[in-house]
Amino acid sequence: MRPDVPVLVVLALVVSSASALAQPAKADPARAAIEKQNAAFTAAFGRGDIAAVAAAYAEDAIAFPPDGEMARGRPAIEALWKGLRDAGGKTITLNTVDVHSSGRLAAETGTAVLKIQPPSGGEQSQTVKYVVVWKKQPDGAWKLYRDIWNAMPASAK
């Protein structure tokens, strides 16, 4: 008895789909460059080099801080981060969850932990989630183009 051809086709599709699911997903080629940029960003913020933090952004970038106005352009973004640093921001730790790129743009999602030492109190931590759109520059470097974040629920810390 010979199986019908459609049954063989379905069986072949099931086997190939199962083997594709068993293989690890390929990492986006932009991810390593973006993670390197994130490491430089966190180091710059940690040492208080806010000019270097702002330089991680494209000239036409926009940051969307929680409960605040949009910061348009590098000077406004530098003022935003300087304000956070002046308010006691000490360190930021970024955790890239995923990166997906296409051409000159890449989207990154992740979480971050900000350590703050206000002048009138003990150290505090704020955990946030973020989405960043990166823009590849003519020299090949990835720069932050759109940056939005907001707080994680208190129970998610």
Protein backbone atom coordinates (compact mmCIF):
# COMPACT_ATOMS: atom_id res chain seq x y z
CA MET A 1 0.00 0.00 0.00
CA ARG A 2 1.46 3.35 -1.07
CA PRO A 3 0.76 6.53 0.97
CA ASP A 4 -0.80 9.44 -0.86
CA VAL A 5 1.59 12.13 -2.03
CA PRO A 6 -0.14 14.86 0.04
CA VAL A 7 0.47 12.82 3.19
CA LEU A 8 4.20 12.63 2.34
CA VAL A 9 4.31 16.38 1.71
CA VAL A 10 2.65 17.12 5.07
CA LEU A 11 5.01 14.71 6.83
CA ALA A 12 8.04 16.38 5.20
CA LEU A 13 6.79 19.82 6.28
CA VAL A 14 6.25 18.65 9.86
CA VAL A 15 9.74 17.14 10.05
CA SER A 16 11.42 20.22 8.57
CA SER A 17 9.43 22.55 10.86
CA ALA A 18 10.36 20.51 13.93
CA SER A 19 14.05 20.58 13.02
CA ALA A 20 13.89 24.35 12.43
CA LEU A 21 12.34 24.84 15.86
CA ALA A 22 15.05 22.74 17.49
CA GLN A 23 17.83 24.99 16.12
CA PRO A 24 18.76 28.10 18.07
CA ALA A 25 17.66 31.40 16.53
CA LYS A 26 20.40 33.26 14.70
CA ALA A 27 21.55 36.37 16.49
CA ASP A 28 20.97 39.64 14.69
CA PRO A 29 24.28 40.90 13.28
CA ALA A 30 23.68 44.38 14.75
CA ARG A 31 23.35 43.04 18.29
CA ALA A 32 27.07 42.85 19.09
CA ALA A 33 27.63 46.44 17.92
CA ILE A 34 24.62 47.66 19.91
CA GLU A 35 25.71 45.83 23.06
CA LYS A 36 29.17 47.41 22.68
CA GLN A 37 27.53 50.84 22.39
CA ASN A 38 25.43 50.07 25.48
CA ALA A 39 28.57 49.16 27.45
CA ALA A 40 30.18 52.48 26.47
CA PHE A 41 26.96 54.32 27.42
CA THR A 42 26.80 52.74 30.89
CA ALA A 43 30.49 53.38 31.51
CA ALA A 44 30.15 57.03 30.48
CA PHE A 45 27.12 57.55 32.72
CA GLY A 46 28.87 55.82 35.63
CA ARG A 47 31.86 58.15 35.43
CA GLY A 48 29.63 61.21 34.97
CA ASP A 49 30.70 61.87 31.36
CA ILE A 50 27.34 63.17 30.19
CA ALA A 51 28.81 64.56 26.95
CA ALA A 52 29.79 60.99 26.01
CA VAL A 53 26.31 59.76 26.98
CA ALA A 54 24.77 62.35 24.65
CA ALA A 55 27.25 61.45 21.89
CA ALA A 56 25.70 57.96 21.82
CA TYR A 57 22.62 59.59 20.25
CA ALA A 58 22.19 60.62 16.62
CA GLU A 59 22.00 64.38 16.04
CA ASP A 60 18.28 64.03 15.21
CA ALA A 61 17.47 61.67 18.09
CA ILE A 62 14.45 61.97 20.35
CA ALA A 63 14.25 60.62 23.91
CA PHE A 64 10.87 59.93 25.52
CA PRO A 65 11.40 59.91 29.30
CA PRO A 66 8.56 58.71 31.51
CA ASP A 67 6.16 61.45 32.59
CA GLY A 68 8.21 64.06 30.75
CA GLU A 69 8.41 66.06 27.57
CA MET A 70 10.24 64.69 24.57
CA ALA A 71 13.90 65.66 24.45
CA ARG A 72 14.61 66.50 20.79
CA GLY A 73 18.19 66.54 19.57
CA ARG A 74 21.49 65.89 21.24
CA PRO A 75 21.67 69.10 23.37
CA ALA A 76 18.23 68.44 24.91
CA ILE A 77 19.11 64.78 25.49
CA GLU A 78 22.36 65.81 27.16
CA ALA A 79 20.39 68.15 29.47
CA LEU A 80 17.99 65.30 30.29
CA TRP A 81 20.80 62.94 31.34
CA LYS A 82 22.65 65.74 33.18
CA GLY A 83 19.48 66.41 35.17
CA LEU A 84 19.28 62.74 36.15
CA ARG A 85 22.95 62.66 37.11
CA ASP A 86 22.60 65.90 39.12
CA ALA A 87 19.57 64.40 40.92
CA GLY A 88 21.76 61.56 42.20
CA GLY A 89 21.85 59.10 39.31
CA LYS A 90 24.95 56.97 39.88
CA THR A 91 24.88 53.94 37.60
CA ILE A 92 22.75 52.36 34.94
CA THR A 93 22.89 48.71 33.94
CA LEU A 94 21.39 47.78 30.57
CA ASN A 95 20.18 44.28 29.69
CA THR A 96 19.45 43.74 26.00
CA VAL A 97 16.56 41.30 25.56
CA ASP A 98 16.55 41.28 21.77
CA VAL A 99 17.64 43.16 18.66
CA HIS A 100 16.07 43.06 15.22
CA SER A 101 17.61 45.04 12.38
CA SER A 102 16.72 45.79 8.81
CA GLY A 103 18.98 47.98 6.74
CA ARG A 104 19.96 51.17 8.53
CA LEU A 105 17.56 50.75 11.47
CA ALA A 106 17.51 48.33 14.40
CA ALA A 107 15.04 47.88 17.24
CA GLU A 108 16.27 46.86 20.68
CA THR A 109 14.15 45.90 23.66
CA GLY A 110 15.51 45.46 27.13
CA THR A 111 15.51 46.26 30.79
CA ALA A 112 17.68 48.55 32.85
CA VAL A 113 18.43 49.19 36.49
CA LEU A 114 19.20 52.74 37.56
CA LYS A 115 20.89 53.32 40.92
CA ILE A 116 20.13 56.70 42.45
CA GLN A 117 21.68 58.28 45.54
CA PRO A 118 19.60 61.40 46.25
CA PRO A 119 21.31 64.07 48.34
CA SER A 120 18.79 63.58 51.14
CA GLY A 121 18.43 59.81 51.36
CA GLY A 122 19.68 56.31 50.86
CA GLU A 123 20.47 54.60 47.60
CA GLN A 124 17.47 53.55 45.55
CA SER A 125 17.04 51.34 42.49
CA GLN A 126 14.59 51.85 39.65
CA THR A 127 14.02 49.04 37.16
CA VAL A 128 12.71 50.05 33.74
CA LYS A 129 11.84 48.47 30.42
CA TYR A 130 12.83 50.16 27.19
CA VAL A 131 12.59 50.17 23.43
CA VAL A 132 15.31 51.84 21.39
CA VAL A 133 15.44 52.41 17.67
CA TRP A 134 19.03 52.59 16.50
CA LYS A 135 20.15 54.31 13.29
CA LYS A 136 23.25 53.27 11.41
CA GLN A 137 25.39 56.28 10.62
CA PRO A 138 27.30 56.84 7.35
CA ASP A 139 30.51 55.75 9.12
CA GLY A 140 28.87 52.43 10.09
CA ALA A 141 28.39 53.26 13.79
CA TRP A 142 25.02 52.63 15.42
CA LYS A 143 23.54 55.63 17.27
CA LEU A 144 20.43 55.90 19.43
CA TYR A 145 17.68 57.40 17.29
CA ARG A 146 14.50 56.95 19.37
CA ASP A 147 14.69 56.06 23.06
CA ILE A 148 11.65 55.37 25.25
CA TRP A 149 11.43 53.78 28.67
CA ASN A 150 9.12 53.45 31.65
CA ALA A 151 9.13 51.86 35.08
CA MET A 152 8.58 48.17 35.69
CA PRO A 153 5.89 47.27 38.20
CA ALA A 154 7.22 47.21 41.74
CA SER A 155 6.71 43.44 42.00
CA ALA A 156 8.92 42.85 38.90
CA LYS A 157 12.06 44.07 40.66
